[in-house]
C-alpha atoms as a PDB file:
ATOM      1  CA  MET A   1      -6.834 -76.374   6.752  1.00  0.00           C
ATOM      2  CA  THR A   2      -3.046 -76.321   7.327  1.00  0.00           C
ATOM      3  CA  ARG A   3      -2.585 -75.400   3.671  1.00  0.00           C
ATOM      4  CA  ASN A   4      -4.710 -72.229   4.137  1.00  0.00           C
ATOM      5  CA  ILE A   5      -2.772 -70.856   7.159  1.00  0.00           C
ATOM      6  CA  PRO A   6       0.115 -69.406   5.071  1.00  0.00           C
ATOM      7  CA  ARG A   7      -2.417 -67.798   2.685  1.00  0.00           C
ATOM      8  CA  ILE A   8      -4.431 -66.291   5.539  1.00  0.00           C
ATOM      9  CA  THR A   9      -1.252 -64.990   7.193  1.00  0.00           C
ATOM     10  CA  LEU A  10      -0.093 -63.412   3.927  1.00  0.00           C
ATOM     11  CA  LEU A  11      -3.485 -61.755   3.355  1.00  0.00           C
ATOM     12  CA  ALA A  12      -3.514 -60.450   6.931  1.00  0.00           C
ATOM     13  CA  LEU A  13      -0.050 -58.908   6.501  1.00  0.00           C
ATOM     14  CA  LEU A  14      -1.011 -57.276   3.182  1.00  0.00           C
ATOM     15  CA  THR A  15      -4.197 -55.885   4.731  1.00  0.00           C
ATOM     16  CA  ALA A  16      -2.284 -54.442   7.681  1.00  0.00           C
ATOM     17  CA  ALA A  17       0.248 -52.841   5.310  1.00  0.00           C
ATOM     18  CA  LEU A  18      -2.516 -51.260   3.215  1.00  0.00           C
ATOM     19  CA  VAL A  19      -4.246 -49.900   6.308  1.00  0.00           C
ATOM     20  CA  ALA A  20      -1.018 -48.355   7.653  1.00  0.00           C
ATOM     21  CA  LEU A  21       0.133 -46.869   4.313  1.00  0.00           C
ATOM     22  CA  PRO A  22      -2.062 -43.698   4.302  1.00  0.00           C
ATOM     23  CA  ALA A  23      -0.942 -42.787   7.837  1.00  0.00           C
ATOM     24  CA  LEU A  24       2.727 -43.116   6.847  1.00  0.00           C
ATOM     25  CA  THR A  25       2.364 -40.966   3.730  1.00  0.00           C
ATOM     26  CA  ARG A  26       0.502 -38.258   5.664  1.00  0.00           C
ATOM     27  CA  ALA A  27       3.345 -38.099   8.194  1.00  0.00           C
ATOM     28  CA  GLN A  28       5.901 -37.591   5.408  1.00  0.00           C
ATOM     29  CA  ASP A  29       3.888 -34.834   3.697  1.00  0.00           C
ATOM     30  CA  SER A  30       3.372 -32.647   6.735  1.00  0.00           C
ATOM     31  CA  LYS A  31       5.898 -29.827   6.925  1.00  0.00           C
ATOM     32  CA  PRO A  32       6.531 -27.758  10.018  1.00  0.00           C
ATOM     33  CA  LYS A  33       5.239 -24.195   9.790  1.00  0.00           C
ATOM     34  CA  PRO A  34       7.941 -21.524   9.835  1.00  0.00           C
ATOM     35  CA  PRO A  35       8.059 -19.489  13.038  1.00  0.00           C
ATOM     36  CA  ALA A  36       6.287 -16.146  12.997  1.00  0.00           C
ATOM     37  CA  SER A  37       8.649 -13.328  12.108  1.00  0.00           C
ATOM     38  CA  SER A  38       9.083 -10.812  14.870  1.00  0.00           C
ATOM     39  CA  ASP A  39      11.280  -8.371  12.882  1.00  0.00           C
ATOM     40  CA  GLN A  40       8.433  -6.774  10.971  1.00  0.00           C
ATOM     41  CA  THR A  41       8.260  -3.024  11.320  1.00  0.00           C
ATOM     42  CA  GLU A  42       4.730  -2.745   9.974  1.00  0.00           C
ATOM     43  CA  PRO A  43       1.657  -4.808  10.826  1.00  0.00           C
ATOM     44  CA  GLY A  44       0.488  -7.462   8.395  1.00  0.00           C
ATOM     45  CA  LYS A  45       2.324 -10.046   6.383  1.00  0.00           C
ATOM     46  CA  PRO A  46       5.583  -9.218   4.635  1.00  0.00           C
ATOM     47  CA  LYS A  47       5.239  -8.741   0.913  1.00  0.00           C
ATOM     48  CA  LYS A  48       6.782 -10.933  -1.730  1.00  0.00           C
ATOM     49  CA  HIS A  49       9.926  -8.790  -1.906  1.00  0.00           C
ATOM     50  CA  GLY A  50      10.402  -8.520   1.862  1.00  0.00           C
ATOM     51  CA  VAL A  51       9.443  -6.146   4.653  1.00  0.00           C
ATOM     52  CA  PRO A  52       8.255  -2.782   3.304  1.00  0.00           C
ATOM     53  CA  PHE A  53       9.796   0.531   4.367  1.00  0.00           C
ATOM     54  CA  ASN A  54       9.249   4.191   3.501  1.00  0.00           C
ATOM     55  CA  GLY A  55      10.306   7.617   4.671  1.00  0.00           C
ATOM     56  CA  LYS A  56      12.867  10.229   3.699  1.00  0.00           C
ATOM     57  CA  VAL A  57      16.512   9.665   2.820  1.00  0.00           C
ATOM     58  CA  ALA A  58      18.573  10.671   5.874  1.00  0.00           C
ATOM     59  CA  ALA A  59      21.996   9.714   4.460  1.00  0.00           C
ATOM     60  CA  VAL A  60      23.609   7.941   1.513  1.00  0.00           C
ATOM     61  CA  ASP A  61      27.016   6.233   1.613  1.00  0.00           C
ATOM     62  CA  ALA A  62      28.024   5.206  -1.911  1.00  0.00           C
ATOM     63  CA  LYS A  63      31.265   3.566  -0.725  1.00  0.00           C
ATOM     64  CA  ALA A  64      29.563   1.344   1.850  1.00  0.00           C
ATOM     65  CA  MET A  65      26.522   0.958  -0.447  1.00  0.00           C
ATOM     66  CA  THR A  66      24.109   1.934   2.338  1.00  0.00           C
ATOM     67  CA  LEU A  67      21.043   4.095   2.568  1.00  0.00           C
ATOM     68  CA  THR A  68      19.764   5.499   5.878  1.00  0.00           C
ATOM     69  CA  VAL A  69      16.001   5.905   6.242  1.00  0.00           C
ATOM     70  CA  GLY A  70      15.031   7.137   9.693  1.00  0.00           C
ATOM     71  CA  THR A  71      17.132   4.994  12.029  1.00  0.00           C
ATOM     72  CA  MET A  72      17.421   2.045   9.617  1.00  0.00           C
ATOM     73  CA  VAL A  73      20.636   1.470   7.692  1.00  0.00           C
ATOM     74  CA  ILE A  74      19.688  -0.440   4.557  1.00  0.00           C
ATOM     75  CA  HIS A  75      22.379  -2.154   2.470  1.00  0.00           C
ATOM     76  CA  VAL A  76      22.112  -1.999  -1.310  1.00  0.00           C
ATOM     77  CA  THR A  77      23.370  -5.071  -3.171  1.00  0.00           C
ATOM     78  CA  ALA A  78      23.918  -5.902  -6.827  1.00  0.00           C
ATOM     79  CA  ASP A  79      20.493  -7.605  -6.810  1.00  0.00           C
ATOM     80  CA  THR A  80      18.637  -4.515  -5.530  1.00  0.00           C
ATOM     81  CA  LYS A  81      16.230  -2.988  -8.077  1.00  0.00           C
ATOM     82  CA  ILE A  82      16.462   0.811  -7.828  1.00  0.00           C
ATOM     83  CA  THR A  83      14.147   3.324  -9.525  1.00  0.00           C
ATOM     84  CA  LYS A  84      13.759   7.096  -9.347  1.00  0.00           C
ATOM     85  CA  ASP A  85      10.548   8.735 -10.501  1.00  0.00           C
ATOM     86  CA  GLY A  86       9.619   5.446 -12.181  1.00  0.00           C
ATOM     87  CA  GLN A  87      12.861   5.160 -14.180  1.00  0.00           C
ATOM     88  CA  PRO A  88      15.856   2.841 -13.534  1.00  0.00           C
ATOM     89  CA  ALA A  89      18.403   4.501 -11.244  1.00  0.00           C
ATOM     90  CA  THR A  90      21.455   3.909  -9.043  1.00  0.00           C
ATOM     91  CA  LEU A  91      22.264   4.636  -5.405  1.00  0.00           C
ATOM     92  CA  ALA A  92      24.170   7.749  -6.555  1.00  0.00           C
ATOM     93  CA  ASP A  93      20.830   9.221  -7.749  1.00  0.00           C
ATOM     94  CA  ALA A  94      19.550   9.432  -4.164  1.00  0.00           C
ATOM     95  CA  VAL A  95      19.142  12.902  -2.667  1.00  0.00           C
ATOM     96  CA  VAL A  96      19.057  13.491   1.095  1.00  0.00           C
ATOM     97  CA  GLY A  97      15.559  14.563   2.130  1.00  0.00           C
ATOM     98  CA  GLU A  98      13.665  13.022  -0.793  1.00  0.00           C
ATOM     99  CA  LYS A  99      10.959  10.396  -0.365  1.00  0.00           C
ATOM    100  CA  VAL A 100      12.034   6.781  -0.522  1.00  0.00           C
ATOM    101  CA  GLY A 101      10.219   3.477  -0.263  1.00  0.00           C
ATOM    102  CA  GLY A 102      10.891  -0.150  -0.955  1.00  0.00           C
ATOM    103  CA  ALA A 103      11.426  -3.477   0.726  1.00  0.00           C
ATOM    104  CA  TYR A 104      14.233  -5.270   2.538  1.00  0.00           C
ATOM    105  CA  GLN A 105      15.064  -8.717   3.857  1.00  0.00           C
ATOM    106  CA  LYS A 106      16.828  -9.207   7.165  1.00  0.00           C
ATOM    107  CA  THR A 107      19.870 -11.490   7.021  1.00  0.00           C
ATOM    108  CA  ASP A 108      20.953 -13.927   9.734  1.00  0.00           C
ATOM    109  CA  ASP A 109      23.594 -11.465  10.943  1.00  0.00           C
ATOM    110  CA  GLY A 110      21.003  -8.667  11.297  1.00  0.00           C
ATOM    111  CA  LYS A 111      21.788  -6.656   8.144  1.00  0.00           C
ATOM    112  CA  LEU A 112      18.877  -5.176   6.189  1.00  0.00           C
ATOM    113  CA  ASN A 113      19.445  -5.932   2.492  1.00  0.00           C
ATOM    114  CA  ALA A 114      17.251  -3.942   0.126  1.00  0.00           C
ATOM    115  CA  THR A 115      15.428  -5.918  -2.547  1.00  0.00           C
ATOM    116  CA  VAL A 116      13.623  -2.928  -4.079  1.00  0.00           C
ATOM    117  CA  VAL A 117      14.196   0.838  -3.630  1.00  0.00           C
ATOM    118  CA  HIS A 118      12.029   3.620  -5.129  1.00  0.00           C
ATOM    119  CA  PHE A 119      13.258   7.237  -4.904  1.00  0.00           C
ATOM    120  CA  GLY A 120      10.808  10.096  -5.514  1.00  0.00           C
ATOM    121  CA  ALA A 121       7.387   9.552  -7.038  1.00  0.00           C
ATOM    122  CA  LYS A 122       6.392   6.244  -8.592  1.00  0.00           C
ATOM    123  CA  ALA A 123       5.639   6.034 -12.322  1.00  0.00           C
ATOM    124  CA  GLY A 124       1.863   6.081 -11.709  1.00  0.00           C
ATOM    125  CA  ASP A 125       2.161   9.206  -9.513  1.00  0.00           C
ATOM    126  CA  MET A 126       4.031  11.312 -12.081  1.00  0.00           C
ATOM    127  CA  PRO A 127       2.020  13.994 -13.884  1.00  0.00           C
ATOM    128  CA  ASP A 128       1.724  13.215 -17.569  1.00  0.00           C
ATOM    129  CA  LYS A 129       3.093  16.271 -19.408  1.00  0.00           C
ATOM    130  CA  GLU A 130       2.384  14.994 -22.924  1.00  0.00           C
ATOM    131  CA  HIS A 131      -1.375  14.609 -22.501  1.00  0.00           C
ATOM    132  CA  LYS A 132      -2.989  17.886 -21.520  1.00  0.00           C
ATOM    133  CA  HIS A 133      -6.593  18.467 -20.681  1.00  0.00           C
ATOM    134  CA  PRO A 134      -8.577  19.856 -23.671  1.00  0.00           C
ATOM    135  CA  SER A 135      -9.309  23.083 -21.735  1.00  0.00           C
ATOM    136  CA  ASP A 136      -5.541  23.697 -21.414  1.00  0.00           C
ATOM    137  CA  ALA A 137      -4.923  23.437 -25.155  1.00  0.00           C
ATOM    138  CA  GLY A 138      -5.691  27.088 -25.798  1.00  0.00           C
ATOM    139  CA  ASP A 139      -7.705  26.358 -28.943  1.00  0.00           C
ATOM    140  CA  LYS A 140      -9.691  29.441 -29.966  1.00  0.00           C
ATOM    141  CA  LYS A 141     -12.817  29.020 -32.025  1.00  0.00           C
END
């Protein structure tokens, strides 16, 4: 009987370790949820590129690389994708009063950095001038 005590003790320790192992791995896998963002200007979840915005261009400052939409001053960076009427563009292509939309991300210091900016109509909204309706062709029979 005294020869079996070390074996029983070893088996008991192994059993206890196996029982505790799933609880330990679950504790390591759980990640805290990020706090809910309170800087959203529109209801719903922010999109993949950031918080969406739209309106009309109020001002453009090419030196400071900023775009004012309503009361928001949005900073344009080298990583910002800019389009105008569905074509690649630059901040210099912006015209005060034209429609603008896009997305931004708020930095820790409160700046709004644009990730995407679309001036004018999107590519899908542009009328297709090459393909006319058959009734507009003017074919006489």
